């Protein structure tokens, strides 16, 4: 998190390297390096990094935090017999944090048994942008036992996926003829332009689309393609591979929405969405800091110009806003413990109000610091769709938004 936070605003980079330094008997010395290309940390301030409640201020940006993250990390690593070090250079060379730790070596027979159980089969055609993401997907598929072919493309200088899709189409058609049964893992933006130009061209294909949340929101309502959110999680990607592989191709169809049936015009950049097009989100939360965290996570996950956020400071305010003019919001993030009216009572009353309506209900997410099974059951029994544990982080918010968009495609709101 620190590396991402302190990398440059423009052309920021974070690199993770893992090395096996040496191995003795049943222990392996692992070295993990995290590098960012940020402004660097002055040498006289590096000694503050591992002191409790100390922060190295940045003259470029204001980074909020408690000053405990590195302290806790170092104590945990030290307890494991390892060490944490920092090397940083002011002036553009960036910062590297190194964790060295001894870890037990897995038994070979356990690895062989796991490998036998984990093998997949079949062919995969990967169509992604050149770079680490493509290599990661290819390596995972091959590691799991799948025969993998790759069609790569470079990033268009104007960032326009339509031009990329046009240049790829001949290669794709040729590959489809040679690999009729192959599962297709394809960049979502390229896929959208292909079906806009020729909706039937991908009919009958097993599909996994790779993209961001705003890409998922553009998918046709009846699309049967599996969707994997960037950055890709191996466990989720594997489950999507298994789900797509189990679908018989003869029963697959891909339908384009009316908006996608018209061929997109080539543009260097898309126009910003209007106020009506933005996702309407209600945050019901009494703590100002938690409000800011939720807003920041939503902006990062969805894009600041693609959401309109309304705040309520307690359950009663949230109830009044949610029910004042019909289903005004697409999504409600509801704190559980609040003054005046808590989130549980507010959700129950919203669900009672919805019983008198015929359109799709609200998608309500509980935000709670209490994540015991009893707390989770209490939220779900009150009528909430799911819960998210505090403190919120970007990965949790991205997963939450992906689940919400999938739910919304199956429960469209009447206009």
Protein backbone atom coordinates (compact mmCIF):
# COMPACT_ATOMS: atom_id res chain seq x y z
CA UNK A 1 0.00 0.00 0.00
CA UNK A 2 2.80 2.44 0.83
CA UNK A 3 4.54 1.80 -2.48
CA UNK A 4 1.37 2.52 -4.45
CA UNK A 5 0.61 5.57 -2.31
CA UNK A 6 4.05 7.15 -2.75
CA UNK A 7 4.67 6.26 -6.42
CA UNK A 8 4.58 9.17 -8.85
CA UNK A 9 1.20 10.55 -9.84
CA UNK A 10 2.22 10.40 -13.51
CA UNK A 11 3.73 7.15 -14.82
CA UNK A 12 3.90 5.67 -11.34
CA UNK A 13 5.48 2.23 -11.07
CA UNK A 14 5.64 -0.42 -8.35
CA UNK A 15 7.71 -3.59 -8.78
CA UNK A 16 7.59 -6.67 -6.55
CA UNK A 17 10.58 -9.05 -6.68
CA UNK A 18 10.92 -12.34 -4.81
CA UNK A 19 14.29 -14.10 -4.50
CA UNK A 20 15.37 -17.39 -2.97
CA UNK A 21 18.72 -16.49 -1.38
CA UNK A 22 19.63 -19.92 -0.06
CA UNK A 23 18.14 -23.12 1.30
CA UNK A 24 19.37 -25.22 4.23
CA UNK A 25 17.74 -28.44 5.39
CA UNK A 26 14.06 -27.59 5.81
CA UNK A 27 14.37 -23.78 5.75
CA UNK A 28 14.55 -21.41 2.77
CA UNK A 29 15.73 -17.80 3.09
CA UNK A 30 13.28 -15.70 1.10
CA UNK A 31 13.96 -12.08 0.11
CA UNK A 32 10.99 -9.90 -0.93
CA UNK A 33 11.65 -6.47 -2.45
CA UNK A 34 9.04 -3.78 -3.10
CA UNK A 35 10.24 -0.84 -5.19
CA UNK A 36 8.40 2.35 -6.15
CA UNK A 37 9.53 5.28 -8.29
CA UNK A 38 8.40 7.93 -5.85
CA UNK A 39 10.26 11.02 -4.71
CA UNK A 40 12.40 9.11 -2.21
CA UNK A 41 13.01 9.49 1.52
CA UNK A 42 15.80 11.77 2.82
CA UNK A 43 18.49 9.80 4.64
CA UNK A 44 18.05 11.72 7.88
CA UNK A 45 14.36 10.76 7.97
CA UNK A 46 14.75 7.07 7.19
CA UNK A 47 15.50 6.34 10.86
CA UNK A 48 11.93 7.43 11.71
CA UNK A 49 10.33 4.78 9.51
CA UNK A 50 10.23 2.05 12.15
CA UNK A 51 9.33 4.22 15.14
CA UNK A 52 5.71 4.06 16.39
CA UNK A 53 3.44 6.94 15.32
CA UNK A 54 6.20 8.53 13.23
CA UNK A 55 5.62 9.56 9.64
CA UNK A 56 7.92 10.90 6.96
CA UNK A 57 6.01 13.84 5.53
CA UNK A 58 5.83 14.24 1.76
CA UNK A 59 6.25 17.67 0.25
CA UNK A 60 4.26 16.56 -2.81
CA UNK A 61 1.12 15.18 -1.21
CA UNK A 62 -0.55 14.72 2.12
CA UNK A 63 -0.65 11.04 3.09
CA UNK A 64 -2.83 10.24 6.07
CA UNK A 65 -2.02 7.29 8.32
CA UNK A 66 -1.25 6.22 11.85
CA UNK A 67 2.48 5.62 11.47
CA UNK A 68 2.13 2.03 12.69
CA UNK A 69 2.13 -0.08 9.52
CA UNK A 70 5.89 -0.46 9.12
CA UNK A 71 6.38 -0.84 12.87
CA UNK A 72 3.93 -3.76 13.03
CA UNK A 73 5.41 -5.30 9.88
CA UNK A 74 8.93 -5.18 11.28
CA UNK A 75 7.89 -6.70 14.60
CA UNK A 76 6.07 -9.57 12.89
CA UNK A 77 9.00 -10.25 10.56
CA UNK A 78 11.48 -10.06 13.46
CA UNK A 79 9.35 -12.55 15.41
CA UNK A 80 9.66 -14.90 12.42
CA UNK A 81 13.45 -14.61 12.54
CA UNK A 82 13.70 -12.15 9.66
CA UNK A 83 14.39 -8.48 9.06
CA UNK A 84 13.01 -5.42 7.22
CA UNK A 85 15.27 -2.82 5.59
CA UNK A 86 14.80 0.33 3.55
CA UNK A 87 16.97 1.89 0.85
CA UNK A 88 15.85 5.19 -0.63
CA UNK A 89 17.37 7.89 -2.78
CA UNK A 90 15.96 11.39 -3.23
CA UNK A 91 15.81 12.62 -6.81
CA UNK A 92 13.96 9.97 -8.75
CA UNK A 93 15.69 6.67 -7.97
CA UNK A 94 12.81 5.66 -5.72
CA UNK A 95 12.53 3.54 -2.59
CA UNK A 96 13.04 -0.19 -1.97
CA UNK A 97 11.78 -2.04 1.10
CA UNK A 98 13.30 -5.48 1.60
CA UNK A 99 11.87 -8.25 3.78
CA UNK A 100 14.20 -11.20 4.46
CA UNK A 101 12.61 -14.12 6.25
CA UNK A 102 13.29 -17.85 6.72
CA UNK A 103 10.35 -20.07 5.78
CA UNK A 104 9.79 -23.84 6.00
CA UNK A 105 10.16 -25.78 2.76
CA UNK A 106 7.14 -27.76 1.60
CA UNK A 107 7.60 -31.50 1.20
CA UNK A 108 7.97 -32.64 -2.39
CA UNK A 109 5.32 -35.34 -2.06
CA UNK A 110 2.80 -32.72 -0.87
CA UNK A 111 3.52 -30.55 -3.90
CA UNK A 112 3.14 -33.50 -6.28
CA UNK A 113 -0.19 -34.47 -4.73
CA UNK A 114 -1.43 -30.89 -4.94
CA UNK A 115 -0.26 -30.60 -8.55
CA UNK A 116 -2.17 -33.75 -9.52
CA UNK A 117 -5.37 -32.48 -7.91
CA UNK A 118 -5.05 -29.00 -9.38
CA UNK A 119 -4.50 -29.86 -13.06
CA UNK A 120 -6.97 -28.44 -15.57
CA UNK A 121 -7.31 -29.43 -19.21
CA UNK A 122 -8.23 -27.89 -22.53
CA UNK A 123 -6.99 -25.11 -24.79
CA UNK A 124 -6.88 -21.40 -24.01
CA UNK A 125 -6.44 -18.50 -26.44
CA UNK A 126 -5.23 -15.37 -24.62
CA UNK A 127 -5.79 -11.98 -26.29
CA UNK A 128 -4.32 -9.29 -24.04
CA UNK A 129 -2.00 -6.31 -24.15
CA UNK A 130 1.72 -7.09 -24.11
CA UNK A 131 3.29 -6.91 -20.68
CA UNK A 132 3.29 -8.52 -17.23
CA UNK A 133 -0.49 -9.06 -17.21
CA UNK A 134 -0.41 -11.23 -20.32
CA UNK A 135 2.61 -13.17 -19.06
CA UNK A 136 0.89 -13.72 -15.72
CA UNK A 137 -2.27 -15.14 -17.33
CA UNK A 138 -0.29 -17.34 -19.73
CA UNK A 139 1.94 -18.70 -16.95
CA UNK A 140 -1.07 -19.50 -14.75
CA UNK A 141 -2.86 -21.38 -17.55
CA UNK A 142 0.25 -23.37 -18.41
CA UNK A 143 0.99 -24.09 -14.76
CA UNK A 144 -2.53 -25.48 -14.36
CA UNK A 145 -2.02 -27.81 -17.33
CA UNK A 146 -3.86 -25.97 -20.11
CA UNK A 147 -2.49 -25.64 -23.64
CA UNK A 148 -2.08 -21.91 -24.19
CA UNK A 149 -1.81 -19.75 -27.32
CA UNK A 150 -1.29 -15.99 -27.27
CA UNK A 151 -2.31 -13.09 -29.51
CA UNK A 152 -0.81 -9.93 -28.04
CA UNK A 153 -1.13 -6.27 -28.96
CA UNK A 154 0.66 -3.08 -28.04
CA UNK A 155 -1.09 -0.20 -26.35
CA UNK A 156 -2.48 2.14 -28.97
CA UNK A 157 -0.81 5.58 -28.66
CA UNK A 158 -4.26 7.20 -28.43
CA UNK A 159 -5.63 4.53 -26.08
CA UNK A 160 -8.39 3.60 -28.55
CA UNK A 161 -9.51 -0.02 -28.29
CA UNK A 162 -11.45 0.17 -31.58
CA UNK A 163 -8.27 0.48 -33.64
CA UNK A 164 -6.71 -2.41 -31.74
CA UNK A 165 -9.79 -4.59 -32.30
CA UNK A 166 -9.74 -3.84 -36.04
CA UNK A 167 -6.08 -4.83 -36.35
CA UNK A 168 -6.62 -8.03 -34.33
CA UNK A 169 -9.74 -9.27 -36.14
CA UNK A 170 -7.95 -11.15 -38.99
CA UNK A 171 -5.65 -12.92 -36.51
CA UNK A 172 -8.60 -13.84 -34.30
CA UNK A 173 -10.64 -15.28 -37.16
CA UNK A 174 -7.68 -17.39 -38.25
CA UNK A 175 -7.08 -18.58 -34.69
CA UNK A 176 -10.78 -19.44 -34.25
CA UNK A 177 -10.68 -21.68 -37.32
CA UNK A 178 -7.65 -23.54 -35.99
CA UNK A 179 -8.84 -23.75 -32.38
CA UNK A 180 -12.61 -24.12 -32.48
CA UNK A 181 -12.87 -25.52 -28.94
CA UNK A 182 -10.43 -23.11 -27.30
CA UNK A 183 -11.58 -20.98 -24.38
CA UNK A 184 -11.02 -17.30 -25.16
CA UNK A 185 -9.48 -14.97 -22.55
CA UNK A 186 -9.76 -11.48 -24.04
CA UNK A 187 -9.40 -7.83 -23.06
CA UNK A 188 -12.92 -6.54 -22.34
CA UNK A 189 -12.59 -3.28 -24.31
CA UNK A 190 -11.37 -5.13 -27.40
CA UNK A 191 -14.24 -7.59 -27.01
CA UNK A 192 -16.81 -4.78 -26.85
CA UNK A 193 -15.57 -3.28 -30.11
CA UNK A 194 -15.54 -6.65 -31.84
CA UNK A 195 -19.17 -7.44 -30.99
CA UNK A 196 -20.18 -3.87 -31.85
CA UNK A 197 -18.80 -4.37 -35.35
CA UNK A 198 -19.92 -7.99 -35.73
CA UNK A 199 -22.20 -9.26 -32.91
CA UNK A 200 -22.21 -12.84 -34.21
CA UNK A 201 -18.42 -13.15 -34.57
CA UNK A 202 -17.94 -14.47 -31.03
CA UNK A 203 -21.16 -16.46 -30.84
CA UNK A 204 -20.60 -19.92 -29.43
CA UNK A 205 -17.25 -19.09 -27.85
CA UNK A 206 -16.40 -19.81 -24.23
CA UNK A 207 -15.39 -16.38 -22.99
CA UNK A 208 -13.50 -14.83 -20.08
CA UNK A 209 -13.29 -11.05 -20.23
CA UNK A 210 -10.49 -9.20 -18.44
CA UNK A 211 -11.07 -5.58 -17.51
CA UNK A 212 -11.96 -2.89 -15.00
CA UNK A 213 -15.27 -2.10 -13.32
CA UNK A 214 -16.31 0.49 -15.89
CA UNK A 215 -15.74 -2.14 -18.60
CA UNK A 216 -18.03 -4.59 -16.81
CA UNK A 217 -20.78 -1.96 -16.64
CA UNK A 218 -20.79 -1.76 -20.47
CA UNK A 219 -21.47 -5.47 -21.03
CA UNK A 220 -24.74 -6.52 -22.71
CA UNK A 221 -27.39 -7.56 -20.14
CA UNK A 222 -27.61 -11.13 -21.50
CA UNK A 223 -23.88 -11.72 -21.89
CA UNK A 224 -22.87 -15.17 -20.66
CA UNK A 225 -19.17 -14.34 -20.58
CA UNK A 226 -17.24 -14.74 -17.34
CA UNK A 227 -15.63 -11.50 -16.10
CA UNK A 228 -12.30 -11.16 -14.27
CA UNK A 229 -11.42 -7.89 -12.62
CA UNK A 230 -7.95 -6.35 -12.91
CA UNK A 231 -5.64 -6.86 -11.07
CA UNK A 232 -6.20 -10.59 -11.56
CA UNK A 233 -6.42 -12.86 -8.51
CA UNK A 234 -5.24 -16.40 -9.34
CA UNK A 235 -7.93 -18.12 -7.24
CA UNK A 236 -10.75 -16.10 -8.86
CA UNK A 237 -9.29 -16.52 -12.35
CA UNK A 238 -9.06 -20.28 -11.84
CA UNK A 239 -12.72 -20.49 -10.75
CA UNK A 240 -13.74 -18.49 -13.84
CA UNK A 241 -11.72 -20.87 -16.05
CA UNK A 242 -13.49 -23.84 -14.53
CA UNK A 243 -16.92 -22.20 -14.90
CA UNK A 244 -16.32 -21.23 -18.53
CA UNK A 245 -14.88 -24.66 -19.38
CA UNK A 246 -17.99 -26.39 -18.04
CA UNK A 247 -20.30 -24.46 -20.40
CA UNK A 248 -21.17 -26.28 -23.67
CA UNK A 249 -20.29 -24.00 -26.62
CA UNK A 250 -23.41 -24.98 -28.59
CA UNK A 251 -25.60 -23.20 -26.01
CA UNK A 252 -23.62 -19.97 -25.81
CA UNK A 253 -24.84 -16.77 -27.41
CA UNK A 254 -23.54 -13.24 -27.21
CA UNK A 255 -26.03 -10.44 -27.69
CA UNK A 256 -25.11 -6.83 -28.22
CA UNK A 257 -27.07 -4.12 -26.48
CA UNK A 258 -28.78 -1.52 -28.69
CA UNK A 259 -26.05 0.98 -27.86
CA UNK A 260 -23.37 -1.49 -28.90
CA UNK A 261 -25.02 -2.46 -32.18
CA UNK A 262 -23.90 0.86 -33.60
CA UNK A 263 -20.21 0.81 -34.44
CA UNK A 264 -18.31 3.12 -32.07
CA UNK A 265 -16.65 6.11 -33.66
CA UNK A 266 -12.89 6.38 -33.21
CA UNK A 267 -12.09 8.97 -30.57
CA UNK A 268 -8.87 9.85 -28.84
CA UNK A 269 -10.79 9.98 -25.59
CA UNK A 270 -14.36 9.43 -24.44
CA UNK A 271 -16.57 12.27 -23.26
CA UNK A 272 -17.14 12.46 -19.56
CA UNK A 273 -20.47 10.94 -18.46
CA UNK A 274 -23.33 13.31 -17.78
CA UNK A 275 -24.89 13.62 -14.33
CA UNK A 276 -27.72 11.31 -15.43
CA UNK A 277 -25.24 8.63 -16.53
CA UNK A 278 -23.29 8.57 -13.28
CA UNK A 279 -23.89 5.85 -10.73
CA UNK A 280 -25.93 7.25 -7.83
CA UNK A 281 -24.57 6.04 -4.48
CA UNK A 282 -25.86 6.79 -0.97
CA UNK A 283 -23.37 6.47 1.90
CA UNK A 284 -25.04 6.24 5.32
CA UNK A 285 -22.26 6.72 7.87
CA UNK A 286 -21.97 8.89 10.99
CA UNK A 287 -18.15 9.15 11.22
CA UNK A 288 -16.56 11.84 8.98
CA UNK A 289 -13.30 9.88 8.55
CA UNK A 290 -15.17 6.75 7.46
CA UNK A 291 -17.19 8.86 5.03
CA UNK A 292 -13.99 10.15 3.44
CA UNK A 293 -12.50 6.65 3.23
CA UNK A 294 -15.61 5.26 1.52
CA UNK A 295 -15.71 8.16 -0.95
CA UNK A 296 -12.00 7.76 -1.77
CA UNK A 297 -12.36 4.01 -2.33
CA UNK A 298 -15.39 4.51 -4.60
CA UNK A 299 -13.57 7.15 -6.64
CA UNK A 300 -10.57 4.87 -7.09
CA UNK A 301 -12.64 1.80 -7.89
CA UNK A 302 -15.11 3.39 -10.31
CA UNK A 303 -13.62 6.71 -11.37
CA UNK A 304 -14.37 10.08 -9.79
CA UNK A 305 -16.32 11.34 -12.81
CA UNK A 306 -18.52 8.22 -12.95
CA UNK A 307 -20.21 8.39 -9.56
CA UNK A 308 -22.44 10.85 -7.74
CA UNK A 309 -22.27 10.36 -3.98
CA UNK A 310 -24.80 11.56 -1.40
CA UNK A 311 -24.03 11.43 2.35
CA UNK A 312 -26.37 10.68 5.25
CA UNK A 313 -25.13 11.00 8.85
CA UNK A 314 -27.44 8.43 10.46
CA UNK A 315 -29.99 5.76 9.63
CA UNK A 316 -32.96 8.12 9.76
CA UNK A 317 -31.39 10.49 7.23
CA UNK A 318 -30.51 7.52 5.03
CA UNK A 319 -34.07 6.18 5.21
CA UNK A 320 -35.54 9.57 4.32
CA UNK A 321 -33.21 10.01 1.33
CA UNK A 322 -33.68 6.44 0.07
CA UNK A 323 -37.48 6.61 0.10
CA UNK A 324 -38.15 10.28 -0.73
CA UNK A 325 -38.51 9.98 -4.52
CA UNK A 326 -38.70 6.32 -5.38
CA UNK A 327 -35.53 4.33 -6.06
CA UNK A 328 -33.22 7.33 -6.46
CA UNK A 329 -29.94 5.46 -5.88
CA UNK A 330 -28.21 2.54 -7.55
CA UNK A 331 -26.37 1.44 -4.42
CA UNK A 332 -26.47 2.08 -0.66
CA UNK A 333 -23.46 1.65 1.65
CA UNK A 334 -24.93 1.39 5.15
CA UNK A 335 -23.03 1.66 8.43
CA UNK A 336 -24.49 -0.65 11.07
CA UNK A 337 -23.93 1.22 14.35
CA UNK A 338 -25.18 4.84 14.21
CA UNK A 339 -27.05 7.32 16.44
CA UNK A 340 -30.75 8.22 15.98
CA UNK A 341 -31.40 5.07 13.92
CA UNK A 342 -28.92 2.27 13.25
CA UNK A 343 -28.32 0.67 9.87
CA UNK A 344 -30.24 -2.48 10.68
CA UNK A 345 -33.48 -0.63 11.46
CA UNK A 346 -33.01 1.68 8.47
CA UNK A 347 -32.58 -1.32 6.16
CA UNK A 348 -35.67 -3.07 7.56
CA UNK A 349 -37.78 0.05 6.99
CA UNK A 350 -36.43 0.45 3.45
CA UNK A 351 -37.36 -3.17 2.69
CA UNK A 352 -40.86 -2.59 4.15
CA UNK A 353 -41.25 0.46 1.89
CA UNK A 354 -40.10 -1.59 -1.11
CA UNK A 355 -42.83 -4.18 -0.54
CA UNK A 356 -45.29 -1.60 -1.91
CA UNK A 357 -43.23 -1.16 -5.11
CA UNK A 358 -42.78 -3.31 -8.20
CA UNK A 359 -39.34 -2.21 -9.46
CA UNK A 360 -36.02 -3.81 -8.50
CA UNK A 361 -34.97 -3.30 -4.85
CA UNK A 362 -31.95 -1.44 -3.57
CA UNK A 363 -28.60 -3.21 -3.28
CA UNK A 364 -27.56 -2.48 0.32
CA UNK A 365 -24.09 -3.23 1.65
CA UNK A 366 -23.39 -3.26 5.38
CA UNK A 367 -20.20 -1.49 6.47
CA UNK A 368 -19.19 -2.82 9.86
CA UNK A 369 -16.15 -3.25 12.05
CA UNK A 370 -17.83 -6.32 13.59
CA UNK A 371 -17.43 -9.29 11.27
CA UNK A 372 -18.34 -12.29 13.43
CA UNK A 373 -20.77 -14.78 11.91
CA UNK A 374 -23.47 -13.55 14.27
CA UNK A 375 -22.95 -9.96 13.04
CA UNK A 376 -23.02 -11.06 9.41
CA UNK A 377 -26.22 -13.06 9.95
CA UNK A 378 -27.82 -10.07 11.68
CA UNK A 379 -27.05 -7.84 8.66
CA UNK A 380 -28.37 -10.36 6.13
CA UNK A 381 -31.49 -11.05 8.18
CA UNK A 382 -32.21 -7.31 8.26
CA UNK A 383 -32.34 -7.35 4.45
CA UNK A 384 -28.84 -6.30 3.46
CA UNK A 385 -27.37 -7.94 0.35
CA UNK A 386 -23.86 -8.36 1.71
CA UNK A 387 -21.38 -6.86 4.14
CA UNK A 388 -17.92 -5.28 3.98
CA UNK A 389 -15.58 -5.19 6.95
CA UNK A 390 -14.04 -1.93 8.07
CA UNK A 391 -11.57 -0.48 7.44
CA UNK A 392 -12.39 -0.52 3.75
CA UNK A 393 -9.56 -0.99 1.26
CA UNK A 394 -9.37 -0.76 -2.52
CA UNK A 395 -9.42 -4.51 -3.19
CA UNK A 396 -12.52 -4.98 -1.02
CA UNK A 397 -14.26 -2.07 -2.77
CA UNK A 398 -13.38 -3.40 -6.23
CA UNK A 399 -14.73 -6.86 -5.38
CA UNK A 400 -17.85 -5.29 -3.89
CA UNK A 401 -18.47 -3.17 -7.00
CA UNK A 402 -17.91 -6.15 -9.29
CA UNK A 403 -20.50 -8.19 -7.37
CA UNK A 404 -22.93 -5.26 -7.42
CA UNK A 405 -22.61 -4.79 -11.20
CA UNK A 406 -23.22 -8.50 -11.74
CA UNK A 407 -26.31 -8.30 -9.51
CA UNK A 408 -27.58 -5.18 -11.28
CA UNK A 409 -27.31 -6.80 -14.72
CA UNK A 410 -29.67 -9.52 -13.43
CA UNK A 411 -31.97 -7.00 -11.67
CA UNK A 412 -32.32 -4.00 -14.00
CA UNK A 413 -34.16 -0.98 -12.64
CA UNK A 414 -37.24 0.03 -14.63
CA UNK A 415 -36.72 3.45 -16.21
